[in-house]
Amino acid sequence: MGNRHLGTQLSALAVALAGIVTAACVTTSMQGYADRELPARPLQHLVIYVAAPVPLASSLQANIQDEARKRGILVEDALAVLPPTRSYSDTEVRRTLDANSVDGVLVLNVGDTGIVREYAGTFFQASYSGSSAVSGTARRVGPTTDISMSGTSSGQMTGTSTPMYRYNRQTNFTARLVDAKSGRNLWIGNGQVSAGGRGVVGRIFVGDGTSAASAVGAIFNDLQSKRLIEGAS
């Protein structure tokens, strides 16, 4: 048999330590308690005070606005109604809220771990190129053929390895809804948002927007279930 030159291109993908799967999930737990004496009708105008790390506070405010809009509720930033330029007496606070027709104050406190990165494995990719030269003989013996071959092969493989990470985030929150006129607590709740994922998608999935949307959605859904606010239209 004559010489034959073979050119090959290989691409190999290997995962070490942990499987690299682009996946993400969010779990939210929420427990709320309403007072035995509920308002005669659902609240329509709320003032919101958010205590949270920046920029998570901005995402929370934006999501609160979105949730309130869905339910036909008017919400305002407490710092816009009562600017933090000075101290206010209890009488001044109630007078200001009454003048603005506010019937409830929602106070939200959030503790956040931020995005935590954990090593999840290594992604290896390589390519191979080379050539082979083979020669040999074939001899027919009855119904069979004996083949004898010899040759050489040479090539080069190059590759890269990239570490992969899993991203997690935990956001704990407490909230209370206060009656603007009497100052008594109408509702108290607390909860936790846990989010995680791998790769770039994981980083996006556990961002401020995701944690804020999950926390705010859980709060408003619980307030709705307790008949303190209207449902989504």
C-alpha atoms as a PDB file:
ATOM      1  CA  MET A   1       0.000   0.000   0.000  1.00  0.00           C
ATOM      2  CA  GLY A   2       1.204   3.519  -0.745  1.00  0.00           C
ATOM      3  CA  ASN A   3       1.887   6.250   1.796  1.00  0.00           C
ATOM      4  CA  ARG A   4      -1.159   8.104   3.103  1.00  0.00           C
ATOM      5  CA  HIS A   5      -1.067  11.419   4.926  1.00  0.00           C
ATOM      6  CA  LEU A   6      -3.815  12.100   7.412  1.00  0.00           C
ATOM      7  CA  GLY A   7      -4.626  15.551   8.840  1.00  0.00           C
ATOM      8  CA  THR A   8      -6.828  15.641  11.925  1.00  0.00           C
ATOM      9  CA  GLN A   9      -8.405  18.435  13.959  1.00  0.00           C
ATOM     10  CA  LEU A  10      -9.684  17.500  17.388  1.00  0.00           C
ATOM     11  CA  SER A  11     -11.546  19.547  19.921  1.00  0.00           C
ATOM     12  CA  ALA A  12     -11.902  18.161  23.437  1.00  0.00           C
ATOM     13  CA  LEU A  13     -14.051  19.435  26.266  1.00  0.00           C
ATOM     14  CA  ALA A  14     -13.481  18.131  29.777  1.00  0.00           C
ATOM     15  CA  VAL A  15     -14.889  19.105  33.132  1.00  0.00           C
ATOM     16  CA  ALA A  16     -12.823  18.557  36.261  1.00  0.00           C
ATOM     17  CA  LEU A  17     -13.999  18.365  39.857  1.00  0.00           C
ATOM     18  CA  ALA A  18     -17.591  19.570  39.363  1.00  0.00           C
ATOM     19  CA  GLY A  19     -19.926  19.439  36.398  1.00  0.00           C
ATOM     20  CA  ILE A  20     -20.294  22.781  34.727  1.00  0.00           C
ATOM     21  CA  VAL A  21     -24.004  23.341  34.171  1.00  0.00           C
ATOM     22  CA  THR A  22     -25.425  26.772  33.531  1.00  0.00           C
ATOM     23  CA  ALA A  23     -28.182  26.832  36.092  1.00  0.00           C
ATOM     24  CA  ALA A  24     -29.679  29.277  38.515  1.00  0.00           C
ATOM     25  CA  CYS A  25     -32.512  29.387  41.012  1.00  0.00           C
ATOM     26  CA  VAL A  26     -34.155  31.695  43.510  1.00  0.00           C
ATOM     27  CA  THR A  27     -36.019  30.606  46.629  1.00  0.00           C
ATOM     28  CA  THR A  28     -37.985  33.010  48.815  1.00  0.00           C
ATOM     29  CA  SER A  29     -39.477  32.314  52.221  1.00  0.00           C
ATOM     30  CA  MET A  30     -41.831  34.765  53.917  1.00  0.00           C
ATOM     31  CA  GLN A  31     -43.836  34.854  57.138  1.00  0.00           C
ATOM     32  CA  GLY A  32     -46.163  37.744  57.966  1.00  0.00           C
ATOM     33  CA  TYR A  33     -48.522  38.479  60.854  1.00  0.00           C
ATOM     34  CA  ALA A  34     -51.435  40.914  60.671  1.00  0.00           C
ATOM     35  CA  ASP A  35     -53.018  42.662  63.646  1.00  0.00           C
ATOM     36  CA  ARG A  36     -56.424  41.421  64.777  1.00  0.00           C
ATOM     37  CA  GLU A  37     -57.958  44.827  64.128  1.00  0.00           C
ATOM     38  CA  LEU A  38     -57.625  45.497  60.410  1.00  0.00           C
ATOM     39  CA  PRO A  39     -58.464  48.827  58.740  1.00  0.00           C
ATOM     40  CA  ALA A  40     -62.016  49.202  57.452  1.00  0.00           C
ATOM     41  CA  ARG A  41     -60.691  49.161  53.893  1.00  0.00           C
ATOM     42  CA  PRO A  42     -57.396  48.264  52.144  1.00  0.00           C
ATOM     43  CA  LEU A  43     -54.700  50.937  52.279  1.00  0.00           C
ATOM     44  CA  GLN A  44     -54.308  53.077  49.176  1.00  0.00           C
ATOM     45  CA  HIS A  45     -51.456  55.514  49.896  1.00  0.00           C
ATOM     46  CA  LEU A  46     -48.232  54.325  51.477  1.00  0.00           C
ATOM     47  CA  VAL A  47     -44.994  56.005  52.477  1.00  0.00           C
ATOM     48  CA  ILE A  48     -41.980  53.697  52.166  1.00  0.00           C
ATOM     49  CA  TYR A  49     -38.803  53.784  54.211  1.00  0.00           C
ATOM     50  CA  VAL A  50     -36.052  51.390  53.065  1.00  0.00           C
ATOM     51  CA  ALA A  51     -32.926  50.656  55.087  1.00  0.00           C
ATOM     52  CA  ALA A  52     -30.630  48.540  52.900  1.00  0.00           C
ATOM     53  CA  PRO A  53     -27.126  48.507  51.412  1.00  0.00           C
ATOM     54  CA  VAL A  54     -26.641  50.691  48.355  1.00  0.00           C
ATOM     55  CA  PRO A  55     -27.391  50.010  45.480  1.00  0.00           C
ATOM     56  CA  LEU A  56     -29.822  47.339  46.734  1.00  0.00           C
ATOM     57  CA  ALA A  57     -31.929  50.106  48.294  1.00  0.00           C
ATOM     58  CA  SER A  58     -32.447  51.694  44.864  1.00  0.00           C
ATOM     59  CA  SER A  59     -33.568  48.359  43.395  1.00  0.00           C
ATOM     60  CA  LEU A  60     -35.966  47.848  46.291  1.00  0.00           C
ATOM     61  CA  GLN A  61     -37.500  51.290  45.796  1.00  0.00           C
ATOM     62  CA  ALA A  62     -37.941  50.656  42.065  1.00  0.00           C
ATOM     63  CA  ASN A  63     -39.562  47.263  42.645  1.00  0.00           C
ATOM     64  CA  ILE A  64     -41.865  48.697  45.302  1.00  0.00           C
ATOM     65  CA  GLN A  65     -43.040  51.286  42.795  1.00  0.00           C
ATOM     66  CA  ASP A  66     -43.705  48.549  40.224  1.00  0.00           C
ATOM     67  CA  GLU A  67     -45.605  46.324  42.655  1.00  0.00           C
ATOM     68  CA  ALA A  68     -47.692  49.232  43.930  1.00  0.00           C
ATOM     69  CA  ARG A  69     -48.539  50.330  40.395  1.00  0.00           C
ATOM     70  CA  LYS A  70     -49.846  46.829  39.580  1.00  0.00           C
ATOM     71  CA  ARG A  71     -52.238  47.087  42.506  1.00  0.00           C
ATOM     72  CA  GLY A  72     -53.322  50.686  41.979  1.00  0.00           C
ATOM     73  CA  ILE A  73     -51.584  51.854  45.160  1.00  0.00           C
ATOM     74  CA  LEU A  74     -49.803  55.184  45.487  1.00  0.00           C
ATOM     75  CA  VAL A  75     -46.385  54.950  47.183  1.00  0.00           C
ATOM     76  CA  GLU A  76     -43.883  57.663  48.053  1.00  0.00           C
ATOM     77  CA  ASP A  77     -40.360  57.664  49.421  1.00  0.00           C
ATOM     78  CA  ALA A  78     -40.458  58.603  53.107  1.00  0.00           C
ATOM     79  CA  LEU A  79     -37.368  60.785  52.669  1.00  0.00           C
ATOM     80  CA  ALA A  80     -39.194  62.796  50.013  1.00  0.00           C
ATOM     81  CA  VAL A  81     -42.204  63.367  52.279  1.00  0.00           C
ATOM     82  CA  LEU A  82     -40.082  63.999  55.391  1.00  0.00           C
ATOM     83  CA  PRO A  83     -36.635  65.151  54.171  1.00  0.00           C
ATOM     84  CA  PRO A  84     -33.775  64.084  56.489  1.00  0.00           C
ATOM     85  CA  THR A  85     -32.671  67.679  56.944  1.00  0.00           C
ATOM     86  CA  ARG A  86     -33.807  67.825  60.559  1.00  0.00           C
ATOM     87  CA  SER A  87     -35.540  65.884  63.299  1.00  0.00           C
ATOM     88  CA  TYR A  88     -39.327  65.658  63.464  1.00  0.00           C
ATOM     89  CA  SER A  89     -41.571  65.274  66.471  1.00  0.00           C
ATOM     90  CA  ASP A  90     -44.234  62.583  66.468  1.00  0.00           C
ATOM     91  CA  THR A  91     -46.876  65.283  66.097  1.00  0.00           C
ATOM     92  CA  GLU A  92     -45.112  66.773  63.057  1.00  0.00           C
ATOM     93  CA  VAL A  93     -44.791  63.381  61.414  1.00  0.00           C
ATOM     94  CA  ARG A  94     -48.481  62.573  61.838  1.00  0.00           C
ATOM     95  CA  ARG A  95     -49.538  66.026  60.702  1.00  0.00           C
ATOM     96  CA  THR A  96     -47.420  65.741  57.538  1.00  0.00           C
ATOM     97  CA  LEU A  97     -48.717  62.272  56.718  1.00  0.00           C
ATOM     98  CA  ASP A  98     -52.303  63.381  57.251  1.00  0.00           C
ATOM     99  CA  ALA A  99     -51.787  66.458  55.065  1.00  0.00           C
ATOM    100  CA  ASN A 100     -50.569  64.176  52.259  1.00  0.00           C
ATOM    101  CA  SER A 101     -53.478  61.717  52.747  1.00  0.00           C
ATOM    102  CA  VAL A 102     -51.095  58.896  53.672  1.00  0.00           C
ATOM    103  CA  ASP A 103     -52.823  55.975  55.372  1.00  0.00           C
ATOM    104  CA  GLY A 104     -49.867  53.641  55.939  1.00  0.00           C
ATOM    105  CA  VAL A 105     -46.089  53.565  56.432  1.00  0.00           C
ATOM    106  CA  LEU A 106     -44.102  50.533  55.252  1.00  0.00           C
ATOM    107  CA  VAL A 107     -40.681  50.188  56.879  1.00  0.00           C
ATOM    108  CA  LEU A 108     -38.296  47.703  55.250  1.00  0.00           C
ATOM    109  CA  ASN A 109     -34.950  46.639  56.732  1.00  0.00           C
ATOM    110  CA  VAL A 110     -32.666  44.456  54.608  1.00  0.00           C
ATOM    111  CA  GLY A 111     -29.446  42.635  55.405  1.00  0.00           C
ATOM    112  CA  ASP A 112     -27.506  41.321  52.414  1.00  0.00           C
ATOM    113  CA  THR A 113     -24.489  39.026  52.068  1.00  0.00           C
ATOM    114  CA  GLY A 114     -23.669  40.374  48.610  1.00  0.00           C
ATOM    115  CA  ILE A 115     -22.514  37.971  45.896  1.00  0.00           C
ATOM    116  CA  VAL A 116     -20.395  35.133  47.311  1.00  0.00           C
ATOM    117  CA  ARG A 117     -18.179  33.245  44.855  1.00  0.00           C
ATOM    118  CA  GLU A 118     -17.365  29.534  45.298  1.00  0.00           C
ATOM    119  CA  TYR A 119     -15.061  27.419  43.135  1.00  0.00           C
ATOM    120  CA  ALA A 120     -17.121  24.970  41.053  1.00  0.00           C
ATOM    121  CA  GLY A 121     -14.577  23.218  38.800  1.00  0.00           C
ATOM    122  CA  THR A 122     -12.346  23.720  35.771  1.00  0.00           C
ATOM    123  CA  PHE A 123     -13.331  23.943  32.118  1.00  0.00           C
ATOM    124  CA  PHE A 124     -10.638  22.506  29.757  1.00  0.00           C
ATOM    125  CA  GLN A 125     -10.611  22.989  25.979  1.00  0.00           C
ATOM    126  CA  ALA A 126      -7.901  21.757  23.571  1.00  0.00           C
ATOM    127  CA  SER A 127      -7.197  21.369  19.876  1.00  0.00           C
ATOM    128  CA  TYR A 128      -4.890  18.876  18.143  1.00  0.00           C
ATOM    129  CA  SER A 129      -3.372  18.969  14.668  1.00  0.00           C
ATOM    130  CA  GLY A 130      -0.909  16.535  13.115  1.00  0.00           C
ATOM    131  CA  SER A 131      -0.140  14.088  10.313  1.00  0.00           C
ATOM    132  CA  SER A 132       0.482  10.380   9.907  1.00  0.00           C
ATOM    133  CA  ALA A 133       2.405   8.343   7.317  1.00  0.00           C
ATOM    134  CA  VAL A 134       1.553   4.648   6.963  1.00  0.00           C
ATOM    135  CA  SER A 135       2.843   1.918   4.615  1.00  0.00           C
ATOM    136  CA  GLY A 136       2.334  -1.808   4.536  1.00  0.00           C
ATOM    137  CA  THR A 137       1.611  -4.980   2.634  1.00  0.00           C
ATOM    138  CA  ALA A 138      -1.399  -7.194   2.188  1.00  0.00           C
ATOM    139  CA  ARG A 139      -1.222 -10.930   1.386  1.00  0.00           C
ATOM    140  CA  ARG A 140      -4.259 -13.010   0.571  1.00  0.00           C
ATOM    141  CA  VAL A 141      -4.323 -16.440   2.121  1.00  0.00           C
ATOM    142  CA  GLY A 142      -7.390 -18.422   1.124  1.00  0.00           C
ATOM    143  CA  PRO A 143     -10.527 -16.599   2.209  1.00  0.00           C
ATOM    144  CA  THR A 144      -8.593 -14.203   4.480  1.00  0.00           C
ATOM    145  CA  THR A 145      -6.119 -11.379   3.999  1.00  0.00           C
ATOM    146  CA  ASP A 146      -3.081 -10.752   6.166  1.00  0.00           C
ATOM    147  CA  ILE A 147      -2.153  -7.088   6.454  1.00  0.00           C
ATOM    148  CA  SER A 148       1.106  -5.749   7.856  1.00  0.00           C
ATOM    149  CA  MET A 149       1.460  -1.968   8.395  1.00  0.00           C
ATOM    150  CA  SER A 150       3.939   0.425   9.939  1.00  0.00           C
ATOM    151  CA  GLY A 151       4.100   4.194  10.110  1.00  0.00           C
ATOM    152  CA  THR A 152       4.765   7.355  12.033  1.00  0.00           C
ATOM    153  CA  SER A 153       2.538  10.044  13.472  1.00  0.00           C
ATOM    154  CA  SER A 154       3.366  13.505  14.767  1.00  0.00           C
ATOM    155  CA  GLY A 155       1.250  16.394  15.998  1.00  0.00           C
ATOM    156  CA  GLN A 156       0.731  19.168  18.508  1.00  0.00           C
ATOM    157  CA  MET A 157      -1.968  19.788  21.065  1.00  0.00           C
ATOM    158  CA  THR A 158      -2.677  23.144  22.665  1.00  0.00           C
ATOM    159  CA  GLY A 159      -5.288  23.877  25.268  1.00  0.00           C
ATOM    160  CA  THR A 160      -6.544  26.232  27.954  1.00  0.00           C
ATOM    161  CA  SER A 161      -8.143  25.645  31.323  1.00  0.00           C
ATOM    162  CA  THR A 162     -10.550  28.099  32.903  1.00  0.00           C
ATOM    163  CA  PRO A 163     -11.715  27.977  36.524  1.00  0.00           C
ATOM    164  CA  MET A 164     -15.490  28.087  36.954  1.00  0.00           C
ATOM    165  CA  TYR A 165     -17.357  29.528  39.925  1.00  0.00           C
ATOM    166  CA  ARG A 166     -20.756  29.210  41.548  1.00  0.00           C
ATOM    167  CA  TYR A 167     -22.347  32.442  42.781  1.00  0.00           C
ATOM    168  CA  ASN A 168     -24.678  32.666  45.761  1.00  0.00           C
ATOM    169  CA  ARG A 169     -26.480  35.415  47.586  1.00  0.00           C
ATOM    170  CA  GLN A 170     -28.706  35.581  50.655  1.00  0.00           C
ATOM    171  CA  THR A 171     -30.911  38.544  51.474  1.00  0.00           C
ATOM    172  CA  ASN A 172     -32.724  38.653  54.810  1.00  0.00           C
ATOM    173  CA  PHE A 173     -35.439  41.230  55.386  1.00  0.00           C
ATOM    174  CA  THR A 174     -37.886  42.403  58.032  1.00  0.00           C
ATOM    175  CA  ALA A 175     -40.804  44.716  57.372  1.00  0.00           C
ATOM    176  CA  ARG A 176     -43.676  46.341  59.207  1.00  0.00           C
ATOM    177  CA  LEU A 177     -46.722  48.258  58.083  1.00  0.00           C
ATOM    178  CA  VAL A 178     -47.789  51.056  60.423  1.00  0.00           C
ATOM    179  CA  ASP A 179     -51.149  52.837  60.519  1.00  0.00           C
ATOM    180  CA  ALA A 180     -50.454  56.495  59.723  1.00  0.00           C
ATOM    181  CA  LYS A 181     -53.149  57.871  62.057  1.00  0.00           C
ATOM    182  CA  SER A 182     -52.773  55.736  65.178  1.00  0.00           C
ATOM    183  CA  GLY A 183     -49.129  54.671  64.827  1.00  0.00           C
ATOM    184  CA  ARG A 184     -49.935  51.048  65.634  1.00  0.00           C
ATOM    185  CA  ASN A 185     -48.468  48.127  63.729  1.00  0.00           C
ATOM    186  CA  LEU A 186     -50.913  46.659  61.245  1.00  0.00           C
ATOM    187  CA  TRP A 187     -48.553  43.961  59.997  1.00  0.00           C
ATOM    188  CA  ILE A 188     -45.084  42.569  60.758  1.00  0.00           C
ATOM    189  CA  GLY A 189     -43.177  40.191  58.494  1.00  0.00           C
ATOM    190  CA  ASN A 190     -39.780  38.705  57.859  1.00  0.00           C
ATOM    191  CA  GLY A 191     -38.251  36.577  55.151  1.00  0.00           C
ATOM    192  CA  GLN A 192     -35.240  35.453  53.198  1.00  0.00           C
ATOM    193  CA  VAL A 193     -34.257  35.373  49.543  1.00  0.00           C
ATOM    194  CA  SER A 194     -31.595  32.838  48.510  1.00  0.00           C
ATOM    195  CA  ALA A 195     -30.299  32.984  44.960  1.00  0.00           C
ATOM    196  CA  GLY A 196     -27.535  31.127  43.185  1.00  0.00           C
ATOM    197  CA  GLY A 197     -26.157  29.930  39.875  1.00  0.00           C
ATOM    198  CA  ARG A 198     -23.056  29.093  37.853  1.00  0.00           C
ATOM    199  CA  GLY A 199     -21.144  31.092  35.289  1.00  0.00           C
ATOM    200  CA  VAL A 200     -22.062  34.504  33.954  1.00  0.00           C
ATOM    201  CA  VAL A 201     -25.774  33.680  34.106  1.00  0.00           C
ATOM    202  CA  GLY A 202     -25.346  32.934  37.800  1.00  0.00           C
ATOM    203  CA  ARG A 203     -23.793  36.353  38.427  1.00  0.00           C
ATOM    204  CA  ILE A 204     -26.698  38.063  36.714  1.00  0.00           C
ATOM    205  CA  PHE A 205     -29.255  35.895  38.454  1.00  0.00           C
ATOM    206  CA  VAL A 206     -28.117  36.870  41.953  1.00  0.00           C
ATOM    207  CA  GLY A 207     -27.898  40.599  41.201  1.00  0.00           C
ATOM    208  CA  ASP A 208     -29.619  43.401  43.072  1.00  0.00           C
ATOM    209  CA  GLY A 209     -32.675  43.327  40.809  1.00  0.00           C
ATOM    210  CA  THR A 210     -33.376  39.659  41.456  1.00  0.00           C
ATOM    211  CA  SER A 211     -33.055  39.849  45.230  1.00  0.00           C
ATOM    212  CA  ALA A 212     -35.100  43.055  45.402  1.00  0.00           C
ATOM    213  CA  ALA A 213     -37.893  41.769  43.157  1.00  0.00           C
ATOM    214  CA  SER A 214     -38.217  38.546  45.146  1.00  0.00           C
ATOM    215  CA  ALA A 215     -38.297  40.302  48.530  1.00  0.00           C
ATOM    216  CA  VAL A 216     -40.772  42.993  47.447  1.00  0.00           C
ATOM    217  CA  GLY A 217     -43.017  40.499  45.674  1.00  0.00           C
ATOM    218  CA  ALA A 218     -43.186  38.323  48.791  1.00  0.00           C
ATOM    219  CA  ILE A 219     -44.047  41.302  51.014  1.00  0.00           C
ATOM    220  CA  PHE A 220     -46.801  42.651  48.777  1.00  0.00           C
ATOM    221  CA  ASN A 221     -48.299  39.200  48.229  1.00  0.00           C
ATOM    222  CA  ASP A 222     -48.491  38.658  51.982  1.00  0.00           C
ATOM    223  CA  LEU A 223     -50.037  42.085  52.547  1.00  0.00           C
ATOM    224  CA  GLN A 224     -52.600  41.242  49.886  1.00  0.00           C
ATOM    225  CA  SER A 225     -53.393  37.863  51.429  1.00  0.00           C
ATOM    226  CA  LYS A 226     -54.001  39.620  54.765  1.00  0.00           C
ATOM    227  CA  ARG A 227     -56.391  42.068  53.006  1.00  0.00           C
ATOM    228  CA  LEU A 228     -54.269  45.082  53.893  1.00  0.00           C
ATOM    229  CA  ILE A 229     -53.837  46.128  50.256  1.00  0.00           C
ATOM    230  CA  GLU A 230     -55.659  45.462  47.017  1.00  0.00           C
ATOM    231  CA  GLY A 231     -54.713  42.646  44.660  1.00  0.00           C
ATOM    232  CA  ALA A 232     -52.956  43.078  41.336  1.00  0.00           C
ATOM    233  CA  SER A 233     -55.219  44.411  38.604  1.00  0.00           C
END
